[in-house]
Amino acid sequence: MGGEHTNVIVLNKKHNTQHPKKTGQVFMYAYYEEGVMEFELPADVSFMQLSIVDNMGAVIHTDTITPENPATEVYLSAGVYTIICTTDANTTFEGTLSIS
């Protein structure tokens, strides 16, 4: 993927309330272009559950993402979407995608 029109999404790890002062920022990247969202999975992730939520709070797309198949086909219209990924280790990453 890649290209000058690609939407880059930075997914930040949601903080564990049991360890709120844990140092270090953990994140992953995702890219959306022309109906395809592709992820750069961390090395220790075997799979993750993807949910895409629209600005009304409705889940509009779900998929399982793996290192062997790090992309999903999803066509999104203009708007703001929340991208939520939960890994096999129960770590949640969340980010926002704005399409104009």
N, C-alpha and C. Protein backbone atom coordinates (compact mmCIF):
# COMPACT_ATOMS: atom_id res chain seq x y z
N MET A 1 0.85 -1.18 0.00
CA MET A 1 0.00 0.00 0.00
C MET A 1 0.89 1.23 0.00
N GLY A 2 0.28 2.32 0.15
CA GLY A 2 1.04 3.55 0.18
C GLY A 2 0.70 4.37 -1.04
N GLY A 3 1.01 5.59 -1.01
CA GLY A 3 0.66 6.50 -2.08
C GLY A 3 0.25 7.81 -1.45
N GLU A 4 0.26 8.84 -2.27
CA GLU A 4 0.03 10.16 -1.71
C GLU A 4 -1.38 10.37 -1.20
N HIS A 5 -2.35 9.55 -1.62
CA HIS A 5 -3.73 9.74 -1.18
C HIS A 5 -4.15 8.77 -0.08
N THR A 6 -3.22 7.98 0.41
CA THR A 6 -3.55 7.00 1.44
C THR A 6 -3.86 7.69 2.76
N ASN A 7 -4.94 7.24 3.40
CA ASN A 7 -5.27 7.72 4.74
C ASN A 7 -4.49 6.88 5.75
N VAL A 8 -3.67 7.51 6.56
CA VAL A 8 -2.89 6.82 7.58
C VAL A 8 -3.63 6.93 8.91
N ILE A 9 -3.78 5.81 9.59
CA ILE A 9 -4.44 5.78 10.88
C ILE A 9 -3.43 5.31 11.91
N VAL A 10 -3.25 6.06 12.98
CA VAL A 10 -2.40 5.64 14.08
C VAL A 10 -3.32 5.11 15.17
N LEU A 11 -3.16 3.83 15.49
CA LEU A 11 -3.98 3.19 16.50
C LEU A 11 -3.17 3.12 17.79
N ASN A 12 -3.63 3.82 18.81
CA ASN A 12 -2.94 3.85 20.09
C ASN A 12 -3.47 2.76 21.01
N LYS A 13 -2.57 2.19 21.79
CA LYS A 13 -2.98 1.19 22.76
C LYS A 13 -3.80 1.86 23.84
N LYS A 14 -4.96 1.28 24.14
CA LYS A 14 -5.78 1.81 25.23
C LYS A 14 -5.12 1.42 26.54
N HIS A 15 -5.08 2.35 27.48
CA HIS A 15 -4.40 2.12 28.75
C HIS A 15 -5.17 1.15 29.64
N ASN A 16 -4.44 0.27 30.24
CA ASN A 16 -5.01 -0.67 31.20
C ASN A 16 -5.21 0.08 32.51
N THR A 17 -6.42 0.08 33.02
CA THR A 17 -6.70 0.83 34.24
C THR A 17 -5.99 0.25 35.45
N GLN A 18 -5.55 -1.00 35.36
CA GLN A 18 -4.82 -1.61 36.48
C GLN A 18 -3.38 -1.14 36.55
N HIS A 19 -2.86 -0.65 35.42
CA HIS A 19 -1.48 -0.15 35.37
C HIS A 19 -1.45 1.20 34.68
N PRO A 20 -2.09 2.23 35.25
CA PRO A 20 -2.23 3.50 34.54
C PRO A 20 -0.93 4.26 34.35
N LYS A 21 0.10 3.98 35.13
CA LYS A 21 1.34 4.74 35.02
C LYS A 21 2.42 4.00 34.25
N LYS A 22 2.05 2.94 33.57
CA LYS A 22 3.01 2.18 32.78
C LYS A 22 3.58 3.09 31.69
N THR A 23 4.90 3.09 31.56
CA THR A 23 5.53 4.00 30.61
C THR A 23 5.60 3.36 29.22
N GLY A 24 5.83 4.19 28.24
CA GLY A 24 5.99 3.72 26.88
C GLY A 24 4.71 3.83 26.08
N GLN A 25 4.81 4.36 24.91
CA GLN A 25 3.66 4.50 24.03
C GLN A 25 3.68 3.33 23.06
N VAL A 26 2.59 2.60 22.99
CA VAL A 26 2.48 1.47 22.08
C VAL A 26 1.40 1.81 21.06
N PHE A 27 1.73 1.62 19.78
CA PHE A 27 0.76 1.93 18.73
C PHE A 27 1.04 1.06 17.51
N MET A 28 0.10 1.05 16.58
CA MET A 28 0.31 0.41 15.29
C MET A 28 -0.29 1.30 14.21
N TYR A 29 0.13 1.04 12.98
CA TYR A 29 -0.37 1.82 11.85
C TYR A 29 -1.35 1.01 11.03
N ALA A 30 -2.31 1.72 10.44
CA ALA A 30 -3.21 1.15 9.46
C ALA A 30 -3.32 2.16 8.32
N TYR A 31 -3.67 1.67 7.15
CA TYR A 31 -3.78 2.51 5.97
C TYR A 31 -5.09 2.19 5.27
N TYR A 32 -5.78 3.22 4.79
CA TYR A 32 -7.03 3.01 4.06
C TYR A 32 -6.94 3.71 2.72
N GLU A 33 -7.23 2.95 1.67
CA GLU A 33 -7.24 3.53 0.33
C GLU A 33 -8.10 2.67 -0.58
N GLU A 34 -9.05 3.31 -1.27
CA GLU A 34 -9.85 2.68 -2.32
C GLU A 34 -10.47 1.35 -1.89
N GLY A 35 -11.10 1.34 -0.72
CA GLY A 35 -11.83 0.15 -0.29
C GLY A 35 -11.01 -0.92 0.40
N VAL A 36 -9.75 -0.62 0.70
CA VAL A 36 -8.90 -1.59 1.39
C VAL A 36 -8.26 -0.93 2.60
N MET A 37 -8.39 -1.59 3.77
CA MET A 37 -7.71 -1.15 4.97
C MET A 37 -6.66 -2.20 5.30
N GLU A 38 -5.42 -1.75 5.43
CA GLU A 38 -4.30 -2.66 5.69
C GLU A 38 -3.61 -2.27 6.98
N PHE A 39 -3.18 -3.26 7.74
CA PHE A 39 -2.60 -3.05 9.06
C PHE A 39 -1.15 -3.51 9.11
N GLU A 40 -0.34 -2.81 9.92
CA GLU A 40 1.01 -3.25 10.27
C GLU A 40 0.90 -3.84 11.68
N LEU A 41 0.77 -5.15 11.76
CA LEU A 41 0.59 -5.81 13.06
C LEU A 41 1.90 -5.88 13.82
N PRO A 42 1.84 -5.69 15.15
CA PRO A 42 3.03 -5.89 15.97
C PRO A 42 3.50 -7.34 15.84
N ALA A 43 4.79 -7.58 16.03
CA ALA A 43 5.38 -8.91 15.83
C ALA A 43 4.77 -9.97 16.74
N ASP A 44 4.29 -9.59 17.91
CA ASP A 44 3.77 -10.58 18.86
C ASP A 44 2.27 -10.85 18.70
N VAL A 45 1.65 -10.35 17.63
CA VAL A 45 0.22 -10.54 17.42
C VAL A 45 -0.02 -11.66 16.41
N SER A 46 -0.78 -12.68 16.82
CA SER A 46 -1.14 -13.79 15.92
C SER A 46 -2.40 -13.46 15.13
N PHE A 47 -3.34 -12.75 15.76
CA PHE A 47 -4.53 -12.29 15.09
C PHE A 47 -5.16 -11.18 15.92
N MET A 48 -6.06 -10.43 15.30
CA MET A 48 -6.82 -9.42 16.04
C MET A 48 -8.19 -9.27 15.42
N GLN A 49 -9.14 -8.88 16.26
CA GLN A 49 -10.50 -8.62 15.83
C GLN A 49 -10.61 -7.13 15.51
N LEU A 50 -11.10 -6.82 14.33
CA LEU A 50 -11.28 -5.45 13.87
C LEU A 50 -12.75 -5.08 13.94
N SER A 51 -13.03 -3.89 14.46
CA SER A 51 -14.37 -3.30 14.39
C SER A 51 -14.23 -1.88 13.88
N ILE A 52 -15.06 -1.52 12.91
CA ILE A 52 -15.12 -0.15 12.42
C ILE A 52 -16.48 0.40 12.83
N VAL A 53 -16.45 1.54 13.55
CA VAL A 53 -17.65 2.13 14.12
C VAL A 53 -17.87 3.49 13.47
N ASP A 54 -19.11 3.74 13.03
CA ASP A 54 -19.40 5.04 12.41
C ASP A 54 -19.65 6.11 13.47
N ASN A 55 -19.89 7.35 13.01
CA ASN A 55 -20.05 8.47 13.95
C ASN A 55 -21.34 8.39 14.76
N MET A 56 -22.23 7.46 14.44
CA MET A 56 -23.46 7.26 15.22
C MET A 56 -23.28 6.15 16.26
N GLY A 57 -22.09 5.54 16.29
CA GLY A 57 -21.82 4.48 17.26
C GLY A 57 -22.17 3.08 16.78
N ALA A 58 -22.55 2.95 15.51
CA ALA A 58 -22.91 1.64 14.97
C ALA A 58 -21.69 0.94 14.40
N VAL A 59 -21.54 -0.34 14.71
CA VAL A 59 -20.47 -1.14 14.12
C VAL A 59 -20.88 -1.46 12.69
N ILE A 60 -20.06 -1.00 11.74
CA ILE A 60 -20.43 -1.17 10.33
C ILE A 60 -19.60 -2.23 9.63
N HIS A 61 -18.50 -2.69 10.27
CA HIS A 61 -17.65 -3.71 9.66
C HIS A 61 -16.85 -4.41 10.75
N THR A 62 -16.77 -5.73 10.63
CA THR A 62 -15.90 -6.51 11.51
C THR A 62 -15.13 -7.50 10.66
N ASP A 63 -13.95 -7.88 11.15
CA ASP A 63 -13.13 -8.85 10.44
C ASP A 63 -12.05 -9.35 11.39
N THR A 64 -11.43 -10.45 11.01
CA THR A 64 -10.27 -10.96 11.73
C THR A 64 -9.05 -10.68 10.87
N ILE A 65 -8.06 -10.02 11.46
CA ILE A 65 -6.84 -9.63 10.76
C ILE A 65 -5.70 -10.52 11.26
N THR A 66 -4.90 -11.06 10.35
CA THR A 66 -3.76 -11.90 10.70
C THR A 66 -2.52 -11.40 9.98
N PRO A 67 -1.33 -11.83 10.43
CA PRO A 67 -0.11 -11.45 9.70
C PRO A 67 -0.12 -11.96 8.26
N GLU A 68 -0.76 -13.12 8.03
CA GLU A 68 -0.83 -13.67 6.68
C GLU A 68 -1.83 -12.91 5.80
N ASN A 69 -2.84 -12.33 6.42
CA ASN A 69 -3.86 -11.57 5.70
C ASN A 69 -4.12 -10.27 6.46
N PRO A 70 -3.21 -9.28 6.33
CA PRO A 70 -3.30 -8.06 7.15
C PRO A 70 -4.25 -6.99 6.61
N ALA A 71 -5.09 -7.34 5.64
CA ALA A 71 -5.97 -6.35 5.03
C ALA A 71 -7.41 -6.83 5.05
N THR A 72 -8.33 -5.86 4.95
CA THR A 72 -9.75 -6.16 4.84
C THR A 72 -10.34 -5.25 3.78
N GLU A 73 -11.33 -5.75 3.07
CA GLU A 73 -12.00 -4.96 2.06
C GLU A 73 -13.21 -4.30 2.69
N VAL A 74 -13.22 -2.98 2.68
CA VAL A 74 -14.34 -2.22 3.25
C VAL A 74 -14.42 -0.88 2.53
N TYR A 75 -15.61 -0.57 2.05
CA TYR A 75 -15.81 0.69 1.33
C TYR A 75 -16.48 1.69 2.27
N LEU A 76 -15.78 2.78 2.54
CA LEU A 76 -16.26 3.79 3.48
C LEU A 76 -16.56 5.09 2.74
N SER A 77 -17.71 5.67 3.05
CA SER A 77 -18.05 6.97 2.47
C SER A 77 -17.44 8.07 3.34
N ALA A 78 -17.62 9.31 2.92
CA ALA A 78 -17.09 10.44 3.68
C ALA A 78 -17.65 10.41 5.09
N GLY A 79 -16.79 10.67 6.06
CA GLY A 79 -17.22 10.67 7.46
C GLY A 79 -16.06 10.37 8.39
N VAL A 80 -16.39 10.23 9.66
CA VAL A 80 -15.39 9.94 10.69
C VAL A 80 -15.71 8.56 11.27
N TYR A 81 -14.71 7.72 11.36
CA TYR A 81 -14.86 6.36 11.83
C TYR A 81 -13.88 6.07 12.96
N THR A 82 -14.30 5.25 13.91
CA THR A 82 -13.41 4.78 14.96
C THR A 82 -12.98 3.36 14.59
N ILE A 83 -11.68 3.14 14.59
CA ILE A 83 -11.12 1.84 14.26
C ILE A 83 -10.67 1.20 15.58
N ILE A 84 -11.22 0.04 15.90
CA ILE A 84 -10.91 -0.65 17.16
C ILE A 84 -10.37 -2.04 16.82
N CYS A 85 -9.20 -2.36 17.36
CA CYS A 85 -8.58 -3.66 17.14
C CYS A 85 -8.25 -4.28 18.49
N THR A 86 -8.70 -5.51 18.70
CA THR A 86 -8.40 -6.24 19.92
C THR A 86 -7.57 -7.46 19.54
N THR A 87 -6.36 -7.55 20.08
CA THR A 87 -5.44 -8.62 19.71
C THR A 87 -5.74 -9.90 20.46
N ASP A 88 -5.05 -10.97 20.05
CA ASP A 88 -5.19 -12.26 20.70
C ASP A 88 -4.74 -12.22 22.16
N ALA A 89 -3.94 -11.24 22.53
CA ALA A 89 -3.50 -11.07 23.93
C ALA A 89 -4.43 -10.13 24.69
N ASN A 90 -5.59 -9.80 24.08
CA ASN A 90 -6.60 -8.93 24.68
C ASN A 90 -6.12 -7.49 24.88
N THR A 91 -5.23 -7.05 24.00
CA THR A 91 -4.78 -5.66 23.98
C THR A 91 -5.64 -4.93 22.97
N THR A 92 -6.15 -3.77 23.34
CA THR A 92 -7.01 -2.99 22.43
C THR A 92 -6.27 -1.77 21.92
N PHE A 93 -6.34 -1.58 20.62
CA PHE A 93 -5.80 -0.40 19.94
C PHE A 93 -6.98 0.33 19.33
N GLU A 94 -6.93 1.67 19.39
CA GLU A 94 -8.04 2.46 18.85
C GLU A 94 -7.50 3.69 18.16
N GLY A 95 -8.14 4.06 17.05
CA GLY A 95 -7.75 5.25 16.32
C GLY A 95 -8.94 5.78 15.53
N THR A 96 -8.75 6.94 14.89
CA THR A 96 -9.81 7.59 14.14
C THR A 96 -9.39 7.75 12.69
N LEU A 97 -10.34 7.48 11.80
CA LEU A 97 -10.14 7.69 10.37
C LEU A 97 -11.16 8.72 9.91
N SER A 98 -10.67 9.80 9.31
CA SER A 98 -11.56 10.83 8.73
C SER A 98 -11.42 10.79 7.23
N ILE A 99 -12.55 10.64 6.56
CA ILE A 99 -12.56 10.63 5.09
C ILE A 99 -13.40 11.81 4.63
N SER A 100 -12.81 12.62 3.74
CA SER A 100 -13.55 13.79 3.25
C SER A 100 -13.91 13.62 1.79
